[in-house]
């Protein structure tokens, strides 16, 4: 499946499962010492949000959960596309 097909299907799922505008929860995993952690959080700086960070049991990885209010499913996809440009970030 190519990116276009994936995001097209994901867009349809978001429209069916969420009310817009509404809250959406993003979850990311990255190495604890990842140099672009701040860049990831900066993508969400213009939004009203709640961010929580948890370390793995061995402190090698962190999970970042960001709850944000967005206008539409297109905004969700745009954020995932932006974050996908950061190497080493796992999007859940």
C-alpha atoms as a PDB file:
ATOM      1  CA  UNK A   1       0.000   0.000   0.000  1.00  0.00           C
ATOM      2  CA  UNK A   2       1.415   3.399  -0.927  1.00  0.00           C
ATOM      3  CA  UNK A   3       1.208   6.543   1.209  1.00  0.00           C
ATOM      4  CA  UNK A   4      -1.691   7.985  -0.788  1.00  0.00           C
ATOM      5  CA  UNK A   5      -3.801   4.859  -0.272  1.00  0.00           C
ATOM      6  CA  UNK A   6      -2.904   4.679   3.409  1.00  0.00           C
ATOM      7  CA  UNK A   7      -3.769   8.313   4.139  1.00  0.00           C
ATOM      8  CA  UNK A   8      -6.916   8.145   2.024  1.00  0.00           C
ATOM      9  CA  UNK A   9      -8.183   5.146   3.977  1.00  0.00           C
ATOM     10  CA  UNK A  10      -7.096   6.706   7.274  1.00  0.00           C
ATOM     11  CA  UNK A  11      -8.920   9.930   6.355  1.00  0.00           C
ATOM     12  CA  UNK A  12     -12.166   8.010   5.798  1.00  0.00           C
ATOM     13  CA  UNK A  13     -11.766   6.182   9.105  1.00  0.00           C
ATOM     14  CA  UNK A  14     -11.213   9.460  10.937  1.00  0.00           C
ATOM     15  CA  UNK A  15     -14.309  11.022   9.396  1.00  0.00           C
ATOM     16  CA  UNK A  16     -16.430   8.049  10.492  1.00  0.00           C
ATOM     17  CA  UNK A  17     -14.996   7.608  13.980  1.00  0.00           C
ATOM     18  CA  UNK A  18     -14.537  11.196  15.180  1.00  0.00           C
ATOM     19  CA  UNK A  19     -16.590  14.349  15.443  1.00  0.00           C
ATOM     20  CA  UNK A  20     -14.922  17.452  14.049  1.00  0.00           C
ATOM     21  CA  UNK A  21     -13.796  19.796  15.392  1.00  0.00           C
ATOM     22  CA  UNK A  22     -12.627  17.555  18.195  1.00  0.00           C
ATOM     23  CA  UNK A  23      -9.832  16.123  20.255  1.00  0.00           C
ATOM     24  CA  UNK A  24      -7.327  13.686  18.867  1.00  0.00           C
ATOM     25  CA  UNK A  25      -4.609  11.752  20.686  1.00  0.00           C
ATOM     26  CA  UNK A  26      -1.241  11.326  18.982  1.00  0.00           C
ATOM     27  CA  UNK A  27       1.255   8.787  20.328  1.00  0.00           C
ATOM     28  CA  UNK A  28       4.913   8.626  19.422  1.00  0.00           C
ATOM     29  CA  UNK A  29       7.876   6.540  20.560  1.00  0.00           C
ATOM     30  CA  UNK A  30      11.478   7.630  20.198  1.00  0.00           C
ATOM     31  CA  UNK A  31      14.857   7.039  21.783  1.00  0.00           C
ATOM     32  CA  UNK A  32      15.348   8.953  25.011  1.00  0.00           C
ATOM     33  CA  UNK A  33      18.268  10.889  23.584  1.00  0.00           C
ATOM     34  CA  UNK A  34      16.630  11.611  20.213  1.00  0.00           C
ATOM     35  CA  UNK A  35      17.956  14.974  18.989  1.00  0.00           C
ATOM     36  CA  UNK A  36      14.640  16.064  17.455  1.00  0.00           C
ATOM     37  CA  UNK A  37      12.340  15.589  20.427  1.00  0.00           C
ATOM     38  CA  UNK A  38      11.802  19.343  20.719  1.00  0.00           C
ATOM     39  CA  UNK A  39      11.129  19.574  16.994  1.00  0.00           C
ATOM     40  CA  UNK A  40       8.374  16.985  17.391  1.00  0.00           C
ATOM     41  CA  UNK A  41       6.730  18.947  20.193  1.00  0.00           C
ATOM     42  CA  UNK A  42       7.173  22.216  18.258  1.00  0.00           C
ATOM     43  CA  UNK A  43       4.884  20.905  15.507  1.00  0.00           C
ATOM     44  CA  UNK A  44       2.063  21.185  18.056  1.00  0.00           C
ATOM     45  CA  UNK A  45       3.022  24.516  19.639  1.00  0.00           C
ATOM     46  CA  UNK A  46       0.230  26.545  18.044  1.00  0.00           C
ATOM     47  CA  UNK A  47      -2.472  24.216  19.368  1.00  0.00           C
ATOM     48  CA  UNK A  48      -4.071  23.978  22.765  1.00  0.00           C
ATOM     49  CA  UNK A  49      -2.720  20.650  23.935  1.00  0.00           C
ATOM     50  CA  UNK A  50      -1.857  18.311  26.756  1.00  0.00           C
ATOM     51  CA  UNK A  51       1.483  16.514  26.519  1.00  0.00           C
ATOM     52  CA  UNK A  52       2.599  13.592  28.649  1.00  0.00           C
ATOM     53  CA  UNK A  53       5.964  11.853  28.451  1.00  0.00           C
ATOM     54  CA  UNK A  54       6.824   8.454  29.870  1.00  0.00           C
ATOM     55  CA  UNK A  55      10.133   6.638  29.908  1.00  0.00           C
ATOM     56  CA  UNK A  56      10.518   2.942  29.200  1.00  0.00           C
ATOM     57  CA  UNK A  57      11.551   0.663  32.061  1.00  0.00           C
ATOM     58  CA  UNK A  58      15.225   0.746  30.984  1.00  0.00           C
ATOM     59  CA  UNK A  59      15.085   4.476  30.143  1.00  0.00           C
ATOM     60  CA  UNK A  60      16.111   3.780  26.522  1.00  0.00           C
ATOM     61  CA  UNK A  61      12.882   5.065  24.961  1.00  0.00           C
ATOM     62  CA  UNK A  62      10.200   7.599  25.702  1.00  0.00           C
ATOM     63  CA  UNK A  63       6.588   7.695  24.657  1.00  0.00           C
ATOM     64  CA  UNK A  64       5.043  11.060  24.000  1.00  0.00           C
ATOM     65  CA  UNK A  65       1.267  11.390  24.073  1.00  0.00           C
ATOM     66  CA  UNK A  66      -0.210  14.615  22.762  1.00  0.00           C
ATOM     67  CA  UNK A  67      -3.914  15.348  23.087  1.00  0.00           C
ATOM     68  CA  UNK A  68      -4.860  18.247  20.875  1.00  0.00           C
ATOM     69  CA  UNK A  69      -8.027  19.909  19.623  1.00  0.00           C
ATOM     70  CA  UNK A  70      -8.163  19.995  15.835  1.00  0.00           C
ATOM     71  CA  UNK A  71     -10.607  21.351  13.281  1.00  0.00           C
ATOM     72  CA  UNK A  72     -10.730  18.385  10.903  1.00  0.00           C
ATOM     73  CA  UNK A  73      -9.411  14.962   9.990  1.00  0.00           C
ATOM     74  CA  UNK A  74      -7.220  16.685   7.407  1.00  0.00           C
ATOM     75  CA  UNK A  75      -5.370  18.380  10.279  1.00  0.00           C
ATOM     76  CA  UNK A  76      -4.623  14.979  11.830  1.00  0.00           C
ATOM     77  CA  UNK A  77      -3.170  13.706   8.572  1.00  0.00           C
ATOM     78  CA  UNK A  78      -1.141  16.883   8.082  1.00  0.00           C
ATOM     79  CA  UNK A  79       0.423  16.469  11.534  1.00  0.00           C
ATOM     80  CA  UNK A  80       1.302  12.827  10.864  1.00  0.00           C
ATOM     81  CA  UNK A  81       2.897  13.783   7.546  1.00  0.00           C
ATOM     82  CA  UNK A  82       4.975  16.488   9.240  1.00  0.00           C
ATOM     83  CA  UNK A  83       6.140  14.164  12.001  1.00  0.00           C
ATOM     84  CA  UNK A  84       6.938  11.409   9.496  1.00  0.00           C
ATOM     85  CA  UNK A  85       9.816  13.568   8.228  1.00  0.00           C
ATOM     86  CA  UNK A  86      11.650  13.126  11.546  1.00  0.00           C
ATOM     87  CA  UNK A  87      13.796  10.008  11.329  1.00  0.00           C
ATOM     88  CA  UNK A  88      13.563   7.597  14.208  1.00  0.00           C
ATOM     89  CA  UNK A  89      10.095   8.554  15.426  1.00  0.00           C
ATOM     90  CA  UNK A  90       7.592   5.709  15.634  1.00  0.00           C
ATOM     91  CA  UNK A  91       4.006   6.830  15.162  1.00  0.00           C
ATOM     92  CA  UNK A  92       1.347   4.759  16.876  1.00  0.00           C
END
